[in-house]
């Protein structure tokens, strides 16, 4: 009887460990899928992102990414149901305040299923002063392979990708400030 219990427990332990290893492998594989590499032309220079259309919250007419050219943009993909996203929003506000007058702008890309009063309430409650958009066609989201958030993308004045980050971060830190200084040169 004891032998059967030990064998059963051993079998269950092996199954649990195999399942955990499989989940770990899938998660690490999934994270690497988000590392969209900027495309490089034959000349070796980075190519600009396609001219996707996004719609500012509260608006109906689309804005093309090309309309954002001329500044360095930090694009943060977020949603109201994402706790990590909500936690990092205030640090993005501070980062914008620090560098806005120098050709740097923060833009939110909200991924909630539809525009709702809850989005605007959260933006107001957290003091989010930067513009927020939606991607109703999901073309930009699909192109960047955004399936986990928060996801942050920095593009230069010509819509070329400078930096990507998956996960939450304190965007108002000395190390981020140094990066932004470099992007603005």
Protein backbone atom coordinates (compact mmCIF):
# COMPACT_ATOMS: atom_id res chain seq x y z
CA UNK A 1 0.00 0.00 0.00
CA UNK A 2 2.80 2.43 0.97
CA UNK A 3 4.61 1.55 -2.23
CA UNK A 4 1.56 2.48 -4.32
CA UNK A 5 1.18 5.83 -2.53
CA UNK A 6 4.88 6.61 -3.04
CA UNK A 7 4.66 5.66 -6.74
CA UNK A 8 1.51 7.75 -7.23
CA UNK A 9 3.07 10.76 -5.49
CA UNK A 10 6.25 10.35 -7.52
CA UNK A 11 4.24 10.20 -10.73
CA UNK A 12 2.25 13.33 -9.77
CA UNK A 13 5.48 15.16 -8.88
CA UNK A 14 7.03 14.30 -12.25
CA UNK A 15 3.89 15.53 -14.06
CA UNK A 16 3.86 18.80 -12.08
CA UNK A 17 7.57 19.41 -12.73
CA UNK A 18 7.16 18.65 -16.45
CA UNK A 19 4.18 21.03 -16.67
CA UNK A 20 6.12 23.78 -14.85
CA UNK A 21 9.11 23.32 -17.16
CA UNK A 22 6.81 23.46 -20.18
CA UNK A 23 5.15 26.66 -18.97
CA UNK A 24 8.55 28.23 -18.27
CA UNK A 25 9.74 27.33 -21.78
CA UNK A 26 6.56 28.70 -23.40
CA UNK A 27 6.77 31.94 -21.42
CA UNK A 28 10.42 32.54 -22.31
CA UNK A 29 9.69 31.69 -25.94
CA UNK A 30 6.70 34.08 -25.88
CA UNK A 31 8.82 36.93 -24.51
CA UNK A 32 11.31 36.56 -27.35
CA UNK A 33 8.45 36.72 -29.86
CA UNK A 34 7.93 40.34 -28.76
CA UNK A 35 11.42 41.34 -29.78
CA UNK A 36 10.39 42.78 -33.12
CA UNK A 37 13.59 43.80 -34.83
CA UNK A 38 13.58 47.05 -36.76
CA UNK A 39 13.90 46.27 -40.43
CA UNK A 40 17.15 47.24 -42.07
CA UNK A 41 17.35 48.34 -45.67
CA UNK A 42 20.03 47.13 -48.07
CA UNK A 43 22.05 50.25 -47.27
CA UNK A 44 22.23 49.11 -43.63
CA UNK A 45 20.05 51.95 -42.32
CA UNK A 46 16.97 51.40 -40.19
CA UNK A 47 13.69 51.79 -42.04
CA UNK A 48 10.81 53.87 -40.72
CA UNK A 49 7.76 52.20 -39.24
CA UNK A 50 4.87 51.96 -41.68
CA UNK A 51 2.52 54.95 -41.55
CA UNK A 52 -0.14 53.35 -39.33
CA UNK A 53 -3.31 55.18 -38.37
CA UNK A 54 -4.23 55.61 -34.71
CA UNK A 55 -7.19 57.50 -33.27
CA UNK A 56 -6.89 59.90 -30.34
CA UNK A 57 -9.21 59.06 -27.44
CA UNK A 58 -12.39 61.08 -27.78
CA UNK A 59 -11.83 61.69 -31.50
CA UNK A 60 -13.13 59.94 -34.60
CA UNK A 61 -10.67 60.91 -37.30
CA UNK A 62 -7.39 58.99 -37.48
CA UNK A 63 -3.89 60.35 -36.99
CA UNK A 64 -1.06 58.89 -39.06
CA UNK A 65 2.25 58.07 -37.38
CA UNK A 66 3.90 60.37 -39.93
CA UNK A 67 2.04 63.25 -38.26
CA UNK A 68 4.10 62.51 -35.16
CA UNK A 69 7.43 62.99 -36.95
CA UNK A 70 9.84 65.69 -35.91
CA UNK A 71 10.19 64.63 -32.27
CA UNK A 72 11.38 61.56 -30.41
CA UNK A 73 8.32 59.65 -29.22
CA UNK A 74 7.91 57.14 -26.44
CA UNK A 75 4.83 55.06 -27.30
CA UNK A 76 3.42 53.15 -24.34
CA UNK A 77 0.86 50.39 -24.99
CA UNK A 78 -1.37 50.06 -21.93
CA UNK A 79 -4.89 49.20 -20.67
CA UNK A 80 -6.98 50.06 -17.62
CA UNK A 81 -7.16 46.39 -16.55
CA UNK A 82 -3.34 46.06 -16.54
CA UNK A 83 -2.08 46.74 -13.00
CA UNK A 84 1.56 47.14 -14.12
CA UNK A 85 0.49 49.64 -16.77
CA UNK A 86 -1.41 51.73 -14.26
CA UNK A 87 1.51 51.69 -11.81
CA UNK A 88 3.98 53.04 -14.39
CA UNK A 89 1.76 55.78 -15.88
CA UNK A 90 2.71 58.46 -13.29
CA UNK A 91 6.43 57.94 -14.03
CA UNK A 92 5.69 58.43 -17.74
CA UNK A 93 3.97 61.73 -16.89
CA UNK A 94 7.09 62.86 -14.99
CA UNK A 95 9.37 61.80 -17.86
CA UNK A 96 7.27 63.78 -20.32
CA UNK A 97 7.33 66.87 -18.07
CA UNK A 98 11.12 66.66 -17.83
CA UNK A 99 11.86 66.38 -21.58
CA UNK A 100 8.81 67.72 -23.42
CA UNK A 101 10.28 71.11 -24.30
CA UNK A 102 13.31 69.45 -25.89
CA UNK A 103 11.64 67.54 -28.72
CA UNK A 104 10.47 64.53 -26.71
CA UNK A 105 6.88 63.37 -26.34
CA UNK A 106 5.11 60.51 -24.58
CA UNK A 107 2.06 58.99 -26.25
CA UNK A 108 -0.21 56.30 -24.82
CA UNK A 109 -1.76 53.61 -26.99
CA UNK A 110 -4.73 52.26 -25.04
CA UNK A 111 -5.61 48.62 -25.69
CA UNK A 112 -8.93 48.38 -23.84
CA UNK A 113 -11.55 46.57 -25.97
CA UNK A 114 -13.44 49.80 -26.61
CA UNK A 115 -13.31 53.42 -25.57
CA UNK A 116 -15.15 53.84 -22.28
CA UNK A 117 -15.63 56.44 -19.55
CA UNK A 118 -13.38 54.31 -17.29
CA UNK A 119 -10.38 55.12 -19.50
CA UNK A 120 -10.91 58.88 -19.20
CA UNK A 121 -11.60 58.56 -15.46
CA UNK A 122 -8.32 56.73 -14.95
CA UNK A 123 -6.40 59.23 -17.07
CA UNK A 124 -7.82 62.09 -14.99
CA UNK A 125 -7.35 60.33 -11.64
CA UNK A 126 -3.67 59.59 -12.39
CA UNK A 127 -3.00 63.05 -13.86
CA UNK A 128 -1.99 61.64 -17.24
CA UNK A 129 -1.31 64.71 -19.35
CA UNK A 130 0.12 63.09 -22.46
CA UNK A 131 -2.07 62.27 -25.47
CA UNK A 132 -3.64 58.82 -25.65
CA UNK A 133 -4.73 56.97 -28.75
CA UNK A 134 -6.40 53.71 -29.78
CA UNK A 135 -5.48 51.35 -32.59
CA UNK A 136 -8.95 50.30 -33.79
CA UNK A 137 -7.62 48.40 -36.81
CA UNK A 138 -5.03 46.59 -34.63
CA UNK A 139 -2.55 46.91 -37.52
CA UNK A 140 0.08 48.71 -35.44
CA UNK A 141 -0.41 46.34 -32.48
CA UNK A 142 -0.13 43.31 -34.79
CA UNK A 143 2.93 44.69 -36.57
CA UNK A 144 4.72 45.18 -33.25
CA UNK A 145 3.48 41.77 -32.05
CA UNK A 146 2.07 43.29 -28.85
CA UNK A 147 0.42 40.49 -26.91
CA UNK A 148 1.63 41.47 -23.42
CA UNK A 149 1.60 44.87 -21.82
CA UNK A 150 2.91 47.26 -20.80
CA UNK A 151 4.96 47.44 -23.98
CA UNK A 152 6.99 50.55 -24.73
CA UNK A 153 8.52 51.65 -27.98
CA UNK A 154 10.71 54.69 -28.63
CA UNK A 155 10.89 56.04 -32.17
CA UNK A 156 13.12 58.76 -33.53
CA UNK A 157 12.16 61.84 -35.53
CA UNK A 158 11.82 59.69 -38.67
CA UNK A 159 9.70 56.90 -37.06
CA UNK A 160 12.68 54.56 -36.73
CA UNK A 161 12.73 52.29 -33.68
CA UNK A 162 15.34 53.27 -31.10
CA UNK A 163 14.22 51.14 -28.15
CA UNK A 164 11.64 48.54 -27.08
CA UNK A 165 10.75 47.35 -23.61
CA UNK A 166 8.28 44.71 -22.44
CA UNK A 167 7.14 45.14 -18.85
CA UNK A 168 6.70 47.92 -16.35
CA UNK A 169 9.48 50.30 -15.43
CA UNK A 170 10.11 53.47 -13.47
CA UNK A 171 10.44 55.83 -16.43
CA UNK A 172 11.51 58.72 -14.19
CA UNK A 173 14.89 57.28 -13.21
CA UNK A 174 18.44 58.50 -13.81
CA UNK A 175 19.20 55.63 -16.21
CA UNK A 176 16.15 56.43 -18.35
CA UNK A 177 17.02 60.13 -18.29
CA UNK A 178 20.46 59.26 -19.67
CA UNK A 179 18.90 57.21 -22.47
CA UNK A 180 16.53 60.04 -23.40
CA UNK A 181 19.44 62.50 -23.47
CA UNK A 182 21.17 60.19 -25.96
CA UNK A 183 18.05 59.83 -28.12
CA UNK A 184 17.66 63.61 -28.30
CA UNK A 185 21.18 64.21 -29.67
